[in-house]
Structure formats: structure tokens, C-alpha cells
């Protein structure tokens, strides 16, 4: 099921592709086609632990949605077609990766460093006594 839709001989994936595949792998697992090796590769394919947790979250979301549909009387193929097949990839839409993800799943800028003249990097003026 998963192997028929996605190529499993990949070398590297973008963050968005890893998240998409994580969700699809969760759905496949719910339908009785688990692939632990691919799951471990997907989690390891992203750079940060934050991104790893997002891939794991996508997997769990796919697993939960897949189990819900499967337990409500749908066949494995129906569940797969409903939850995974309609997904349109970024290459098909022409949009750069990540535009189809909710903002909460976007990359955080919390730890990005500021760059610029030293005046921009110093304490803001409203925090200093005059």
C-alpha cells in the first residue's frame, strides 16, 4: 500500500515530504501494513528533534484517522484512498514545499539568531533608564 504510492528507495527527503510520508505510513499501519524500518528512516531524515517530533506526530495522526475509518467498516483500500490518495504533492501544484501545512507545523524561528548592525542586537531603548 505505502510502497505502491511512495518510492522507498529515497536517499534524502525534505521536511515536508517526511511529514507527508509519516502521515501516509500511519494510515498504512492502521490498515495492517506496518513498515517499522521506513518509519525509523523518516524520523531520522529530518535535521532537528523538533522536526522529528512533527514527523512522529504526523504518523500518529495518520494512525488515529486510519484506525477510526477502518473500525467504522471501511476497507483498507477505501481508507487509503480517502486519507492519502487525494493528497496533492507540492510538485503537482507548483507551490514551494510547506505552503500546504498549517502554520503551527511551520519551522520555528525562536532560535534563529539576529543579524545586522550592533545597534539592532543591543538592548531595546525602552528598557534603558534615561
N, C-alpha and C. Protein backbone atom coordinates (compact mmCIF):
# COMPACT_ATOMS: atom_id res chain seq x y z
N UNK A 1 0.84 -1.18 0.00
CA UNK A 1 0.00 0.00 0.00
C UNK A 1 0.89 1.25 0.00
N UNK A 2 1.68 1.45 1.05
CA UNK A 2 2.59 2.59 1.13
C UNK A 2 3.64 2.50 0.04
N UNK A 3 4.20 1.30 -0.14
CA UNK A 3 5.26 1.10 -1.11
C UNK A 3 4.79 1.29 -2.54
N UNK A 4 3.49 1.09 -2.80
CA UNK A 4 2.94 1.27 -4.14
C UNK A 4 2.77 2.75 -4.48
N UNK A 5 2.57 3.58 -3.46
CA UNK A 5 2.35 5.01 -3.69
C UNK A 5 3.65 5.80 -3.59
N UNK A 6 4.49 5.44 -2.66
CA UNK A 6 5.73 6.18 -2.41
C UNK A 6 6.94 5.31 -2.72
N UNK A 7 7.96 5.93 -3.29
CA UNK A 7 9.22 5.24 -3.55
C UNK A 7 9.96 5.08 -2.23
N UNK A 8 10.35 3.87 -1.90
CA UNK A 8 11.04 3.64 -0.63
C UNK A 8 12.56 3.59 -0.79
N UNK A 9 13.05 3.82 -2.00
CA UNK A 9 14.49 3.83 -2.25
C UNK A 9 15.05 5.25 -2.27
N UNK A 10 14.51 6.11 -1.43
CA UNK A 10 14.94 7.51 -1.40
C UNK A 10 16.24 7.65 -0.63
N UNK A 11 16.98 8.69 -0.97
CA UNK A 11 18.24 8.98 -0.29
C UNK A 11 18.04 10.11 0.72
N UNK A 12 17.33 11.15 0.31
CA UNK A 12 17.02 12.25 1.22
C UNK A 12 15.64 12.80 0.88
N UNK A 13 15.01 13.39 1.89
CA UNK A 13 13.68 13.98 1.72
C UNK A 13 13.66 15.36 2.35
N UNK A 14 12.78 16.20 1.85
CA UNK A 14 12.59 17.49 2.50
C UNK A 14 11.77 17.26 3.77
N UNK A 15 11.73 18.26 4.60
CA UNK A 15 10.95 18.19 5.84
C UNK A 15 9.48 17.92 5.53
N UNK A 16 8.93 18.61 4.54
CA UNK A 16 7.53 18.46 4.19
C UNK A 16 7.22 17.07 3.64
N UNK A 17 8.14 16.54 2.83
CA UNK A 17 7.96 15.19 2.30
C UNK A 17 7.98 14.16 3.43
N UNK A 18 8.85 14.36 4.40
CA UNK A 18 8.92 13.44 5.54
C UNK A 18 7.62 13.47 6.34
N UNK A 19 7.06 14.66 6.53
CA UNK A 19 5.80 14.78 7.26
C UNK A 19 4.66 14.11 6.49
N UNK A 20 4.60 14.37 5.20
CA UNK A 20 3.56 13.75 4.36
C UNK A 20 3.67 12.23 4.39
N UNK A 21 4.87 11.73 4.23
CA UNK A 21 5.08 10.28 4.25
C UNK A 21 4.81 9.69 5.63
N UNK A 22 5.13 10.44 6.68
CA UNK A 22 4.83 9.97 8.04
C UNK A 22 3.34 9.76 8.23
N UNK A 23 2.53 10.71 7.77
CA UNK A 23 1.08 10.57 7.86
C UNK A 23 0.62 9.34 7.07
N UNK A 24 1.10 9.22 5.84
CA UNK A 24 0.70 8.09 4.99
C UNK A 24 1.12 6.76 5.60
N UNK A 25 2.29 6.72 6.21
CA UNK A 25 2.75 5.48 6.84
C UNK A 25 1.88 5.13 8.04
N UNK A 26 1.41 6.15 8.76
CA UNK A 26 0.48 5.91 9.87
C UNK A 26 -0.83 5.31 9.37
N UNK A 27 -1.34 5.82 8.26
CA UNK A 27 -2.57 5.27 7.67
C UNK A 27 -2.33 3.82 7.23
N UNK A 28 -1.20 3.56 6.59
CA UNK A 28 -0.89 2.20 6.15
C UNK A 28 -0.79 1.25 7.34
N UNK A 29 -0.20 1.70 8.43
CA UNK A 29 -0.09 0.88 9.63
C UNK A 29 -1.46 0.57 10.19
N UNK A 30 -2.36 1.56 10.19
CA UNK A 30 -3.72 1.34 10.67
C UNK A 30 -4.46 0.33 9.81
N UNK A 31 -4.09 0.26 8.54
CA UNK A 31 -4.73 -0.68 7.61
C UNK A 31 -4.07 -2.05 7.61
N UNK A 32 -3.10 -2.26 8.48
CA UNK A 32 -2.47 -3.57 8.61
C UNK A 32 -1.21 -3.75 7.79
N UNK A 33 -0.60 -2.67 7.33
CA UNK A 33 0.63 -2.76 6.54
C UNK A 33 1.75 -1.94 7.19
N UNK A 34 2.20 -2.32 8.38
CA UNK A 34 3.24 -1.53 9.05
C UNK A 34 4.59 -1.68 8.37
N UNK A 35 5.44 -0.66 8.51
CA UNK A 35 6.79 -0.70 7.98
C UNK A 35 7.69 0.06 8.96
N UNK A 36 8.14 -0.62 9.98
CA UNK A 36 8.94 0.00 11.05
C UNK A 36 10.25 0.57 10.52
N UNK A 37 10.87 -0.11 9.58
CA UNK A 37 12.14 0.36 9.03
C UNK A 37 11.95 1.71 8.33
N UNK A 38 10.90 1.84 7.53
CA UNK A 38 10.63 3.11 6.84
C UNK A 38 10.31 4.21 7.84
N UNK A 39 9.57 3.87 8.89
CA UNK A 39 9.25 4.86 9.93
C UNK A 39 10.53 5.40 10.57
N UNK A 40 11.44 4.52 10.92
CA UNK A 40 12.71 4.94 11.53
C UNK A 40 13.52 5.81 10.57
N UNK A 41 13.52 5.46 9.29
CA UNK A 41 14.23 6.26 8.29
C UNK A 41 13.61 7.65 8.15
N UNK A 42 12.27 7.73 8.18
CA UNK A 42 11.60 9.02 8.06
C UNK A 42 11.94 9.93 9.23
N UNK A 43 11.90 9.37 10.43
CA UNK A 43 12.22 10.17 11.62
C UNK A 43 13.67 10.64 11.56
N UNK A 44 14.56 9.79 11.10
CA UNK A 44 15.98 10.14 11.03
C UNK A 44 16.29 11.09 9.86
N UNK A 45 15.38 11.23 8.91
CA UNK A 45 15.65 12.04 7.72
C UNK A 45 15.60 13.54 7.96
N UNK A 46 14.98 13.97 9.05
CA UNK A 46 14.89 15.41 9.33
C UNK A 46 16.01 15.83 10.27
N UNK A 47 16.32 17.11 10.26
CA UNK A 47 17.53 17.59 10.94
C UNK A 47 17.41 17.77 12.44
N UNK A 48 16.30 18.30 12.91
CA UNK A 48 16.20 18.66 14.33
C UNK A 48 15.25 17.73 15.08
N UNK A 49 15.37 17.72 16.39
CA UNK A 49 14.46 16.91 17.20
C UNK A 49 13.04 17.46 17.12
N UNK A 50 12.91 18.76 16.92
CA UNK A 50 11.58 19.36 16.73
C UNK A 50 10.93 18.76 15.48
N UNK A 51 11.67 18.72 14.37
CA UNK A 51 11.13 18.16 13.14
C UNK A 51 10.85 16.66 13.29
N UNK A 52 11.69 15.97 14.05
CA UNK A 52 11.44 14.55 14.30
C UNK A 52 10.12 14.36 15.03
N UNK A 53 9.85 15.22 16.00
CA UNK A 53 8.58 15.10 16.73
C UNK A 53 7.39 15.42 15.84
N UNK A 54 7.57 16.31 14.87
CA UNK A 54 6.49 16.62 13.93
C UNK A 54 6.22 15.41 13.02
N UNK A 55 7.26 14.73 12.57
CA UNK A 55 7.08 13.53 11.75
C UNK A 55 6.37 12.45 12.58
N UNK A 56 6.78 12.28 13.83
CA UNK A 56 6.13 11.31 14.71
C UNK A 56 4.67 11.67 14.94
N UNK A 57 4.39 12.96 15.10
CA UNK A 57 3.02 13.43 15.28
C UNK A 57 2.18 13.16 14.04
N UNK A 58 2.75 13.39 12.86
CA UNK A 58 2.04 13.11 11.61
C UNK A 58 1.73 11.62 11.50
N UNK A 59 2.70 10.78 11.89
CA UNK A 59 2.47 9.33 11.87
C UNK A 59 1.31 8.96 12.79
N UNK A 60 1.33 9.49 14.02
CA UNK A 60 0.26 9.18 14.97
C UNK A 60 -1.09 9.69 14.50
N UNK A 61 -1.10 10.84 13.85
CA UNK A 61 -2.35 11.39 13.31
C UNK A 61 -2.90 10.48 12.20
N UNK A 62 -2.02 10.03 11.31
CA UNK A 62 -2.44 9.10 10.26
C UNK A 62 -2.92 7.79 10.84
N UNK A 63 -2.25 7.31 11.87
CA UNK A 63 -2.65 6.07 12.53
C UNK A 63 -4.03 6.21 13.17
N UNK A 64 -4.26 7.32 13.87
CA UNK A 64 -5.55 7.54 14.54
C UNK A 64 -6.68 7.68 13.53
N UNK A 65 -6.46 8.48 12.49
CA UNK A 65 -7.51 8.67 11.48
C UNK A 65 -7.77 7.38 10.72
N UNK A 66 -6.70 6.65 10.42
CA UNK A 66 -6.85 5.39 9.71
C UNK A 66 -7.61 4.36 10.52
N UNK A 67 -7.28 4.23 11.80
CA UNK A 67 -7.98 3.28 12.67
C UNK A 67 -9.45 3.65 12.81
N UNK A 68 -9.74 4.95 12.92
CA UNK A 68 -11.12 5.40 13.05
C UNK A 68 -11.93 5.00 11.83
N UNK A 69 -11.40 5.26 10.65
CA UNK A 69 -12.12 4.91 9.40
C UNK A 69 -12.22 3.39 9.25
N UNK A 70 -11.12 2.69 9.54
CA UNK A 70 -11.09 1.24 9.39
C UNK A 70 -12.06 0.57 10.36
N UNK A 71 -12.13 1.07 11.58
CA UNK A 71 -13.04 0.49 12.58
C UNK A 71 -14.50 0.83 12.31
N UNK A 72 -14.74 1.80 11.45
CA UNK A 72 -16.12 2.16 11.09
C UNK A 72 -16.59 1.42 9.85
N UNK A 73 -15.92 0.35 9.48
CA UNK A 73 -16.39 -0.53 8.42
C UNK A 73 -15.81 -0.31 7.04
N UNK A 74 -14.87 0.60 6.89
CA UNK A 74 -14.27 0.81 5.58
C UNK A 74 -13.17 -0.22 5.35
N UNK A 75 -12.95 -0.56 4.09
CA UNK A 75 -11.86 -1.48 3.75
C UNK A 75 -10.53 -0.72 3.77
N UNK A 76 -9.45 -1.47 3.77
CA UNK A 76 -8.12 -0.85 3.77
C UNK A 76 -7.93 0.07 2.57
N UNK A 77 -8.34 -0.39 1.40
CA UNK A 77 -8.19 0.43 0.19
C UNK A 77 -9.03 1.70 0.26
N UNK A 78 -10.24 1.61 0.80
CA UNK A 78 -11.08 2.79 0.93
C UNK A 78 -10.45 3.80 1.89
N UNK A 79 -9.92 3.31 3.00
CA UNK A 79 -9.26 4.20 3.96
C UNK A 79 -8.07 4.89 3.31
N UNK A 80 -7.25 4.12 2.61
CA UNK A 80 -6.07 4.66 1.95
C UNK A 80 -6.46 5.72 0.92
N UNK A 81 -7.45 5.41 0.09
CA UNK A 81 -7.87 6.36 -0.94
C UNK A 81 -8.45 7.62 -0.33
N UNK A 82 -9.18 7.48 0.76
CA UNK A 82 -9.80 8.65 1.38
C UNK A 82 -8.78 9.56 2.06
N UNK A 83 -7.82 8.97 2.75
CA UNK A 83 -6.91 9.77 3.56
C UNK A 83 -5.59 10.13 2.87
N UNK A 84 -5.14 9.31 1.93
CA UNK A 84 -3.81 9.54 1.37
C UNK A 84 -3.85 9.92 -0.11
N UNK A 85 -4.58 9.21 -0.91
CA UNK A 85 -4.57 9.43 -2.35
C UNK A 85 -4.95 10.84 -2.77
N UNK A 86 -5.92 11.50 -2.13
CA UNK A 86 -6.26 12.85 -2.58
C UNK A 86 -5.17 13.88 -2.31
N UNK A 87 -4.19 13.53 -1.51
CA UNK A 87 -3.11 14.46 -1.19
C UNK A 87 -2.37 14.82 -2.47
N UNK A 88 -2.27 16.11 -2.73
CA UNK A 88 -1.57 16.60 -3.91
C UNK A 88 -0.20 17.08 -3.47
N UNK A 89 0.82 16.62 -4.14
CA UNK A 89 2.17 16.99 -3.74
C UNK A 89 2.51 18.41 -4.18
N UNK A 90 3.54 18.97 -3.59
CA UNK A 90 3.97 20.33 -3.91
C UNK A 90 4.42 20.43 -5.36
N UNK A 91 5.00 19.36 -5.91
CA UNK A 91 5.45 19.39 -7.29
C UNK A 91 4.26 19.50 -8.25
N UNK A 92 3.15 18.86 -7.91
CA UNK A 92 1.98 18.89 -8.78
C UNK A 92 1.29 20.25 -8.76
N UNK A 93 1.33 20.95 -7.64
CA UNK A 93 0.66 22.24 -7.54
C UNK A 93 1.54 23.38 -7.98
N UNK A 94 2.85 23.18 -7.96
CA UNK A 94 3.76 24.25 -8.30
C UNK A 94 4.09 25.15 -7.12
N UNK A 95 3.53 24.86 -5.94
CA UNK A 95 3.81 25.66 -4.75
C UNK A 95 5.06 25.12 -4.09
N UNK A 96 5.87 26.01 -3.52
CA UNK A 96 7.02 25.52 -2.77
C UNK A 96 6.57 24.71 -1.57
N UNK A 97 7.39 23.79 -1.14
CA UNK A 97 7.03 22.93 -0.01
C UNK A 97 6.67 23.72 1.22
N UNK A 98 5.70 23.23 1.94
CA UNK A 98 5.32 23.84 3.20
C UNK A 98 4.12 24.75 3.13
N UNK A 99 3.71 25.18 1.95
CA UNK A 99 2.57 26.09 1.86
C UNK A 99 1.26 25.40 2.18
N UNK A 100 1.23 24.09 2.09
CA UNK A 100 0.00 23.36 2.39
C UNK A 100 -0.06 22.92 3.85
N UNK A 101 0.96 23.24 4.63
CA UNK A 101 0.98 22.87 6.04
C UNK A 101 0.39 24.00 6.88
N UNK A 102 -0.32 23.66 7.95
CA UNK A 102 -0.80 24.70 8.86
C UNK A 102 0.37 25.44 9.49
N UNK A 103 0.14 26.68 9.88
CA UNK A 103 1.20 27.50 10.45
C UNK A 103 1.83 26.90 11.68
N UNK A 104 1.05 26.16 12.47
CA UNK A 104 1.58 25.56 13.70
C UNK A 104 2.64 24.51 13.40
N UNK A 105 2.63 23.95 12.19
CA UNK A 105 3.62 22.94 11.84
C UNK A 105 4.82 23.54 11.12
N UNK A 106 4.80 24.84 10.91
CA UNK A 106 5.92 25.50 10.25
C UNK A 106 7.16 25.52 11.11
N UNK A 107 8.25 25.83 10.50
CA UNK A 107 9.52 25.86 11.23
C UNK A 107 9.53 27.05 12.19
N UNK A 108 9.96 26.82 13.40
CA UNK A 108 10.02 27.87 14.40
C UNK A 108 11.25 28.75 14.18
N UNK A 109 11.12 30.02 14.48
CA UNK A 109 12.24 30.94 14.34
C UNK A 109 12.79 31.35 15.70
N UNK A 110 12.37 30.66 16.73
CA UNK A 110 12.75 31.01 18.09
C UNK A 110 14.26 31.05 18.29
N UNK A 111 14.97 30.10 17.71
CA UNK A 111 16.40 30.00 17.94
C UNK A 111 17.24 30.61 16.83
N UNK A 112 16.60 31.23 15.86
CA UNK A 112 17.35 31.89 14.80
C UNK A 112 18.03 33.13 15.37
N UNK A 113 19.26 33.35 14.99
CA UNK A 113 19.99 34.50 15.51
C UNK A 113 19.72 35.72 14.65
N UNK A 114 19.75 36.88 15.29
CA UNK A 114 19.57 38.12 14.56
C UNK A 114 20.89 38.52 13.94
N UNK A 115 20.77 39.17 12.81
CA UNK A 115 21.97 39.66 12.13
C UNK A 115 21.76 41.12 11.77
N UNK A 116 22.81 41.84 11.75
CA UNK A 116 22.71 43.24 11.37
C UNK A 116 23.68 44.08 12.16
N UNK A 117 23.52 45.39 12.07
CA UNK A 117 24.40 46.29 12.80
C UNK A 117 24.27 46.06 14.30
N UNK A 118 25.32 46.34 15.07
CA UNK A 118 25.28 46.12 16.51
C UNK A 118 24.12 46.82 17.21
N UNK A 119 23.67 47.95 16.69
CA UNK A 119 22.56 48.67 17.30
C UNK A 119 21.28 47.85 17.33
N UNK A 120 21.11 46.99 16.35
CA UNK A 120 19.92 46.14 16.31
C UNK A 120 20.02 44.98 17.29
N UNK A 121 21.23 44.65 17.68
CA UNK A 121 21.43 43.49 18.53
C UNK A 121 21.51 43.85 20.01
N UNK A 122 21.51 45.13 20.32
CA UNK A 122 21.63 45.56 21.70
C UNK A 122 20.27 45.64 22.36
N UNK A 123 20.29 45.99 23.62
CA UNK A 123 19.07 46.10 24.41
C UNK A 123 18.17 47.20 23.82
N UNK A 124 16.87 46.95 23.72
CA UNK A 124 15.96 47.97 23.19
C UNK A 124 15.97 49.23 24.06
N UNK A 125 15.74 50.37 23.44
CA UNK A 125 15.83 51.64 24.15
C UNK A 125 14.80 51.78 25.26
N UNK A 126 13.65 51.16 25.13
CA UNK A 126 12.63 51.30 26.17
C UNK A 126 13.00 50.55 27.45
N UNK A 127 14.03 49.73 27.41
CA UNK A 127 14.47 49.02 28.60
C UNK A 127 15.60 49.73 29.34
N UNK A 128 16.10 50.81 28.80
CA UNK A 128 17.18 51.54 29.45
C UNK A 128 16.64 52.77 30.16
N UNK A 129 17.32 53.13 31.27
CA UNK A 129 16.94 54.34 32.01
C UNK A 129 17.59 55.54 31.35
N UNK A 130 16.87 56.62 31.27
CA UNK A 130 17.44 57.84 30.69
C UNK A 130 18.02 58.73 31.74
